[in-house]
Amino acid sequence: MTTPATDDLPVGRIAGAFGIRGELKCDPSGAGRGVFAPGAELRCERGQETSTIRVTQVRPHRDRLLIRIAGIEDADAAAAYSGALLYASRQRIALNEGEYLDDDLVGCAVLGKDGSDFGTVERVEHYPASDLLVVGGHLVPMVRAIVTGIDLERRRIIIDPPEGLFD
């Protein structure tokens, strides 16, 4: 996956064509689901090619979205978008209270309530039970009992780890 040179964040990936009329199966990111609406313009990366697409239609289908893009009218044209990554401006992504973007958490210092330094967030992994911060090769569940504070301005996360979490 390429790193955007803008403030754009990944909001979805095209999984393939759906049907014969040019619909596309889209796997939206958790935070990106809300940007998919008729009229939405998204940056699209297909291999080395980058373009702007306009969504004309959206409908839910199982855990995915089925979308139509302006100018795509048949299965052959839709198939060319398989594997494409879709990006939207960070300002268009609405977060609820207590929600964070992975990009905002990566690089934050992870400190104990007593001030002990556990390292920095290397990445965020997503699992059904909870999201996990990867810190020094250790998995820290993002649950209130463990993560007691997040201060994005100061780039720090305060945790109260259970005994043995970092052993």
C-alpha atoms as a PDB file:
ATOM      1  CA  MET A   1       0.000   0.000   0.000  1.00  0.00           C
ATOM      2  CA  THR A   2       1.422   3.373  -0.944  1.00  0.00           C
ATOM      3  CA  THR A   3       1.540   6.266   1.451  1.00  0.00           C
ATOM      4  CA  PRO A   4      -0.471   9.251   0.264  1.00  0.00           C
ATOM      5  CA  ALA A   5       1.417  12.531  -0.153  1.00  0.00           C
ATOM      6  CA  THR A   6      -1.638  14.443   1.089  1.00  0.00           C
ATOM      7  CA  ASP A   7      -3.821  14.432   4.184  1.00  0.00           C
ATOM      8  CA  ASP A   8      -5.862  11.657   2.550  1.00  0.00           C
ATOM      9  CA  LEU A   9      -6.563   8.523   4.540  1.00  0.00           C
ATOM     10  CA  PRO A  10      -7.538   5.088   3.223  1.00  0.00           C
ATOM     11  CA  VAL A  11     -11.306   4.635   3.299  1.00  0.00           C
ATOM     12  CA  GLY A  12     -11.760   1.453   1.306  1.00  0.00           C
ATOM     13  CA  ARG A  13     -10.548  -1.142  -1.146  1.00  0.00           C
ATOM     14  CA  ILE A  14     -12.319  -2.420  -4.235  1.00  0.00           C
ATOM     15  CA  ALA A  15     -12.682  -6.200  -3.916  1.00  0.00           C
ATOM     16  CA  GLY A  16     -13.953  -6.722  -7.476  1.00  0.00           C
ATOM     17  CA  ALA A  17     -16.860  -6.314  -9.840  1.00  0.00           C
ATOM     18  CA  PHE A  18     -20.413  -7.281  -8.862  1.00  0.00           C
ATOM     19  CA  GLY A  19     -22.913  -8.273 -11.520  1.00  0.00           C
ATOM     20  CA  ILE A  20     -22.994  -7.087 -15.125  1.00  0.00           C
ATOM     21  CA  ARG A  21     -23.953  -3.421 -14.705  1.00  0.00           C
ATOM     22  CA  GLY A  22     -20.656  -2.052 -13.406  1.00  0.00           C
ATOM     23  CA  GLU A  23     -21.192  -2.227  -9.652  1.00  0.00           C
ATOM     24  CA  LEU A  24     -18.121  -2.686  -7.485  1.00  0.00           C
ATOM     25  CA  LYS A  25     -17.706  -4.570  -4.197  1.00  0.00           C
ATOM     26  CA  CYS A  26     -16.070  -2.204  -1.738  1.00  0.00           C
ATOM     27  CA  ASP A  27     -14.557  -3.090   1.627  1.00  0.00           C
ATOM     28  CA  PRO A  28     -14.695   0.201   3.546  1.00  0.00           C
ATOM     29  CA  SER A  29     -12.440   0.926   6.499  1.00  0.00           C
ATOM     30  CA  GLY A  30     -14.217   1.358   9.826  1.00  0.00           C
ATOM     31  CA  ALA A  31     -13.715   5.113   9.858  1.00  0.00           C
ATOM     32  CA  GLY A  32     -14.196   5.483   6.109  1.00  0.00           C
ATOM     33  CA  ARG A  33     -17.634   3.905   5.774  1.00  0.00           C
ATOM     34  CA  GLY A  34     -19.359   7.247   6.264  1.00  0.00           C
ATOM     35  CA  VAL A  35     -17.700   8.958   3.276  1.00  0.00           C
ATOM     36  CA  PHE A  36     -19.378   6.687   0.735  1.00  0.00           C
ATOM     37  CA  ALA A  37     -22.391   8.555  -0.588  1.00  0.00           C
ATOM     38  CA  PRO A  38     -23.661   9.567  -4.014  1.00  0.00           C
ATOM     39  CA  GLY A  39     -21.603  12.505  -5.253  1.00  0.00           C
ATOM     40  CA  ALA A  40     -18.566  11.718  -3.084  1.00  0.00           C
ATOM     41  CA  GLU A  41     -15.249  12.270  -4.829  1.00  0.00           C
ATOM     42  CA  LEU A  42     -12.449   9.952  -3.750  1.00  0.00           C
ATOM     43  CA  ARG A  43      -8.845   9.513  -4.751  1.00  0.00           C
ATOM     44  CA  CYS A  44      -8.352   6.125  -6.386  1.00  0.00           C
ATOM     45  CA  GLU A  45      -5.016   4.310  -6.687  1.00  0.00           C
ATOM     46  CA  ARG A  46      -4.824   1.429  -9.178  1.00  0.00           C
ATOM     47  CA  GLY A  47      -1.263   0.204  -9.396  1.00  0.00           C
ATOM     48  CA  GLN A  48       0.810   3.214 -10.464  1.00  0.00           C
ATOM     49  CA  GLU A  49      -2.245   5.154 -11.660  1.00  0.00           C
ATOM     50  CA  THR A  50      -3.975   7.738  -9.459  1.00  0.00           C
ATOM     51  CA  SER A  51      -7.276   9.377 -10.387  1.00  0.00           C
ATOM     52  CA  THR A  52     -10.324  10.979  -8.847  1.00  0.00           C
ATOM     53  CA  ILE A  53     -13.560   9.022  -9.018  1.00  0.00           C
ATOM     54  CA  ARG A  54     -17.108  10.137  -8.288  1.00  0.00           C
ATOM     55  CA  VAL A  55     -19.445   7.722  -6.512  1.00  0.00           C
ATOM     56  CA  THR A  56     -22.909   7.727  -8.084  1.00  0.00           C
ATOM     57  CA  GLN A  57     -24.644   5.011  -6.085  1.00  0.00           C
ATOM     58  CA  VAL A  58     -24.099   3.130  -2.806  1.00  0.00           C
ATOM     59  CA  ARG A  59     -25.946   0.254  -1.213  1.00  0.00           C
ATOM     60  CA  PRO A  60     -25.058  -2.164   1.597  1.00  0.00           C
ATOM     61  CA  HIS A  61     -24.474  -5.809   0.754  1.00  0.00           C
ATOM     62  CA  ARG A  62     -23.518  -8.165   3.605  1.00  0.00           C
ATOM     63  CA  ASP A  63     -20.442  -6.611   5.279  1.00  0.00           C
ATOM     64  CA  ARG A  64     -19.539  -4.631   2.165  1.00  0.00           C
ATOM     65  CA  LEU A  65     -20.824  -1.743   0.154  1.00  0.00           C
ATOM     66  CA  LEU A  66     -21.766  -2.015  -3.487  1.00  0.00           C
ATOM     67  CA  ILE A  67     -20.861   1.186  -5.268  1.00  0.00           C
ATOM     68  CA  ARG A  68     -21.175   2.615  -8.758  1.00  0.00           C
ATOM     69  CA  ILE A  69     -18.643   5.021 -10.175  1.00  0.00           C
ATOM     70  CA  ALA A  70     -19.367   7.646 -12.829  1.00  0.00           C
ATOM     71  CA  GLY A  71     -18.391   6.317 -16.257  1.00  0.00           C
ATOM     72  CA  ILE A  72     -18.334   2.635 -15.266  1.00  0.00           C
ATOM     73  CA  GLU A  73     -21.279   0.960 -16.990  1.00  0.00           C
ATOM     74  CA  ASP A  74     -20.363  -2.730 -17.358  1.00  0.00           C
ATOM     75  CA  ALA A  75     -18.574  -5.616 -15.662  1.00  0.00           C
ATOM     76  CA  ASP A  76     -15.465  -5.333 -17.861  1.00  0.00           C
ATOM     77  CA  ALA A  77     -14.900  -1.673 -16.970  1.00  0.00           C
ATOM     78  CA  ALA A  78     -15.607  -2.428 -13.287  1.00  0.00           C
ATOM     79  CA  ALA A  79     -13.137  -5.335 -13.233  1.00  0.00           C
ATOM     80  CA  ALA A  80     -10.301  -2.913 -14.040  1.00  0.00           C
ATOM     81  CA  TYR A  81     -10.809  -1.382 -10.561  1.00  0.00           C
ATOM     82  CA  SER A  82     -10.327  -4.649  -8.664  1.00  0.00           C
ATOM     83  CA  GLY A  83      -7.770  -4.108  -5.888  1.00  0.00           C
ATOM     84  CA  ALA A  84      -7.894  -0.308  -6.140  1.00  0.00           C
ATOM     85  CA  LEU A  85      -7.432   1.658  -2.931  1.00  0.00           C
ATOM     86  CA  LEU A  86      -9.738   4.581  -2.174  1.00  0.00           C
ATOM     87  CA  TYR A  87      -8.766   7.642  -0.143  1.00  0.00           C
ATOM     88  CA  ALA A  88     -10.653  10.622   1.275  1.00  0.00           C
ATOM     89  CA  SER A  89      -9.522  13.805   2.941  1.00  0.00           C
ATOM     90  CA  ARG A  90      -9.012  13.462   6.696  1.00  0.00           C
ATOM     91  CA  GLN A  91     -11.507  16.315   7.268  1.00  0.00           C
ATOM     92  CA  ARG A  92     -14.307  14.244   5.705  1.00  0.00           C
ATOM     93  CA  ILE A  93     -13.909  11.393   8.199  1.00  0.00           C
ATOM     94  CA  ALA A  94     -16.223  11.822  11.174  1.00  0.00           C
ATOM     95  CA  LEU A  95     -15.169  10.189  14.429  1.00  0.00           C
ATOM     96  CA  ASN A  96     -17.313   9.610  17.483  1.00  0.00           C
ATOM     97  CA  GLU A  97     -16.171  10.398  21.009  1.00  0.00           C
ATOM     98  CA  GLY A  98     -13.429   7.972  21.984  1.00  0.00           C
ATOM     99  CA  GLU A  99     -12.659   6.932  18.394  1.00  0.00           C
ATOM    100  CA  TYR A 100      -9.210   7.450  16.919  1.00  0.00           C
ATOM    101  CA  LEU A 101      -7.559   6.946  13.578  1.00  0.00           C
ATOM    102  CA  ASP A 102      -4.752   4.408  13.486  1.00  0.00           C
ATOM    103  CA  ASP A 103      -2.454   7.030  11.938  1.00  0.00           C
ATOM    104  CA  ASP A 104      -3.000   9.292  14.969  1.00  0.00           C
ATOM    105  CA  LEU A 105      -2.047   6.565  17.449  1.00  0.00           C
ATOM    106  CA  VAL A 106       1.038   5.221  15.669  1.00  0.00           C
ATOM    107  CA  GLY A 107       4.134   6.869  17.105  1.00  0.00           C
ATOM    108  CA  CYS A 108       2.505   7.905  20.386  1.00  0.00           C
ATOM    109  CA  ALA A 109       4.531   7.253  23.534  1.00  0.00           C
ATOM    110  CA  VAL A 110       2.968   4.622  25.796  1.00  0.00           C
ATOM    111  CA  LEU A 111       3.427   5.437  29.468  1.00  0.00           C
ATOM    112  CA  GLY A 112       2.296   3.733  32.651  1.00  0.00           C
ATOM    113  CA  LYS A 113       0.198   5.597  35.211  1.00  0.00           C
ATOM    114  CA  ASP A 114       3.378   5.706  37.305  1.00  0.00           C
ATOM    115  CA  GLY A 115       5.325   7.309  34.431  1.00  0.00           C
ATOM    116  CA  SER A 116       7.106   4.149  33.285  1.00  0.00           C
ATOM    117  CA  ASP A 117       7.942   4.147  29.565  1.00  0.00           C
ATOM    118  CA  PHE A 118       6.747   1.124  27.589  1.00  0.00           C
ATOM    119  CA  GLY A 119       7.795   2.429  24.157  1.00  0.00           C
ATOM    120  CA  THR A 120       5.804   3.773  21.233  1.00  0.00           C
ATOM    121  CA  VAL A 121       2.853   2.469  19.273  1.00  0.00           C
ATOM    122  CA  GLU A 122       4.215   0.624  16.230  1.00  0.00           C
ATOM    123  CA  ARG A 123       0.848  -0.157  14.657  1.00  0.00           C
ATOM    124  CA  VAL A 124      -2.776  -0.884  15.514  1.00  0.00           C
ATOM    125  CA  GLU A 125      -4.305  -4.295  14.858  1.00  0.00           C
ATOM    126  CA  HIS A 126      -8.048  -4.836  14.667  1.00  0.00           C
ATOM    127  CA  TYR A 127      -9.774  -7.895  16.088  1.00  0.00           C
ATOM    128  CA  PRO A 128     -13.430  -8.605  16.867  1.00  0.00           C
ATOM    129  CA  ALA A 129     -12.953  -8.425  20.647  1.00  0.00           C
ATOM    130  CA  SER A 130     -10.926  -5.199  20.649  1.00  0.00           C
ATOM    131  CA  ASP A 131      -8.325  -3.191  18.817  1.00  0.00           C
ATOM    132  CA  LEU A 132      -4.761  -3.825  19.935  1.00  0.00           C
ATOM    133  CA  LEU A 133      -1.823  -1.430  20.145  1.00  0.00           C
ATOM    134  CA  VAL A 134       1.460  -3.066  19.173  1.00  0.00           C
ATOM    135  CA  VAL A 135       4.118  -1.697  21.539  1.00  0.00           C
ATOM    136  CA  GLY A 136       7.594  -3.208  21.530  1.00  0.00           C
ATOM    137  CA  GLY A 137       6.209  -6.432  20.103  1.00  0.00           C
ATOM    138  CA  HIS A 138       3.576  -6.665  22.867  1.00  0.00           C
ATOM    139  CA  LEU A 139      -0.165  -6.443  22.244  1.00  0.00           C
ATOM    140  CA  VAL A 140      -2.007  -3.920  24.415  1.00  0.00           C
ATOM    141  CA  PRO A 141      -5.817  -4.239  24.269  1.00  0.00           C
ATOM    142  CA  MET A 142      -7.534  -0.907  23.742  1.00  0.00           C
ATOM    143  CA  VAL A 143     -10.031  -1.333  26.551  1.00  0.00           C
ATOM    144  CA  ARG A 144     -10.818   1.253  29.240  1.00  0.00           C
ATOM    145  CA  ALA A 145      -9.464  -0.960  32.020  1.00  0.00           C
ATOM    146  CA  ILE A 146      -6.005  -0.810  30.416  1.00  0.00           C
ATOM    147  CA  VAL A 147      -5.880   2.341  28.271  1.00  0.00           C
ATOM    148  CA  THR A 148      -6.788   5.049  30.763  1.00  0.00           C
ATOM    149  CA  GLY A 149      -5.974   8.132  28.699  1.00  0.00           C
ATOM    150  CA  ILE A 150      -5.108   9.269  25.187  1.00  0.00           C
ATOM    151  CA  ASP A 151      -3.634  12.725  24.612  1.00  0.00           C
ATOM    152  CA  LEU A 152      -3.082  13.185  20.894  1.00  0.00           C
ATOM    153  CA  GLU A 153      -1.758  16.741  21.298  1.00  0.00           C
ATOM    154  CA  ARG A 154       1.058  15.531  23.548  1.00  0.00           C
ATOM    155  CA  ARG A 155       1.358  12.255  21.547  1.00  0.00           C
ATOM    156  CA  ARG A 156       1.007  10.009  24.579  1.00  0.00           C
ATOM    157  CA  ILE A 157      -1.148   7.156  25.732  1.00  0.00           C
ATOM    158  CA  ILE A 158      -1.455   6.321  29.435  1.00  0.00           C
ATOM    159  CA  ILE A 159      -2.017   2.683  30.374  1.00  0.00           C
ATOM    160  CA  ASP A 160      -2.559   0.638  33.505  1.00  0.00           C
ATOM    161  CA  PRO A 161      -1.295  -2.734  32.293  1.00  0.00           C
ATOM    162  CA  PRO A 162      -2.224  -5.923  34.099  1.00  0.00           C
ATOM    163  CA  GLU A 163       0.656  -7.842  35.596  1.00  0.00           C
ATOM    164  CA  GLY A 164       2.531  -9.849  32.980  1.00  0.00           C
ATOM    165  CA  LEU A 165       1.417  -7.865  29.924  1.00  0.00           C
ATOM    166  CA  PHE A 166       4.968  -6.727  29.182  1.00  0.00           C
ATOM    167  CA  ASP A 167       6.813  -9.823  30.464  1.00  0.00           C
END
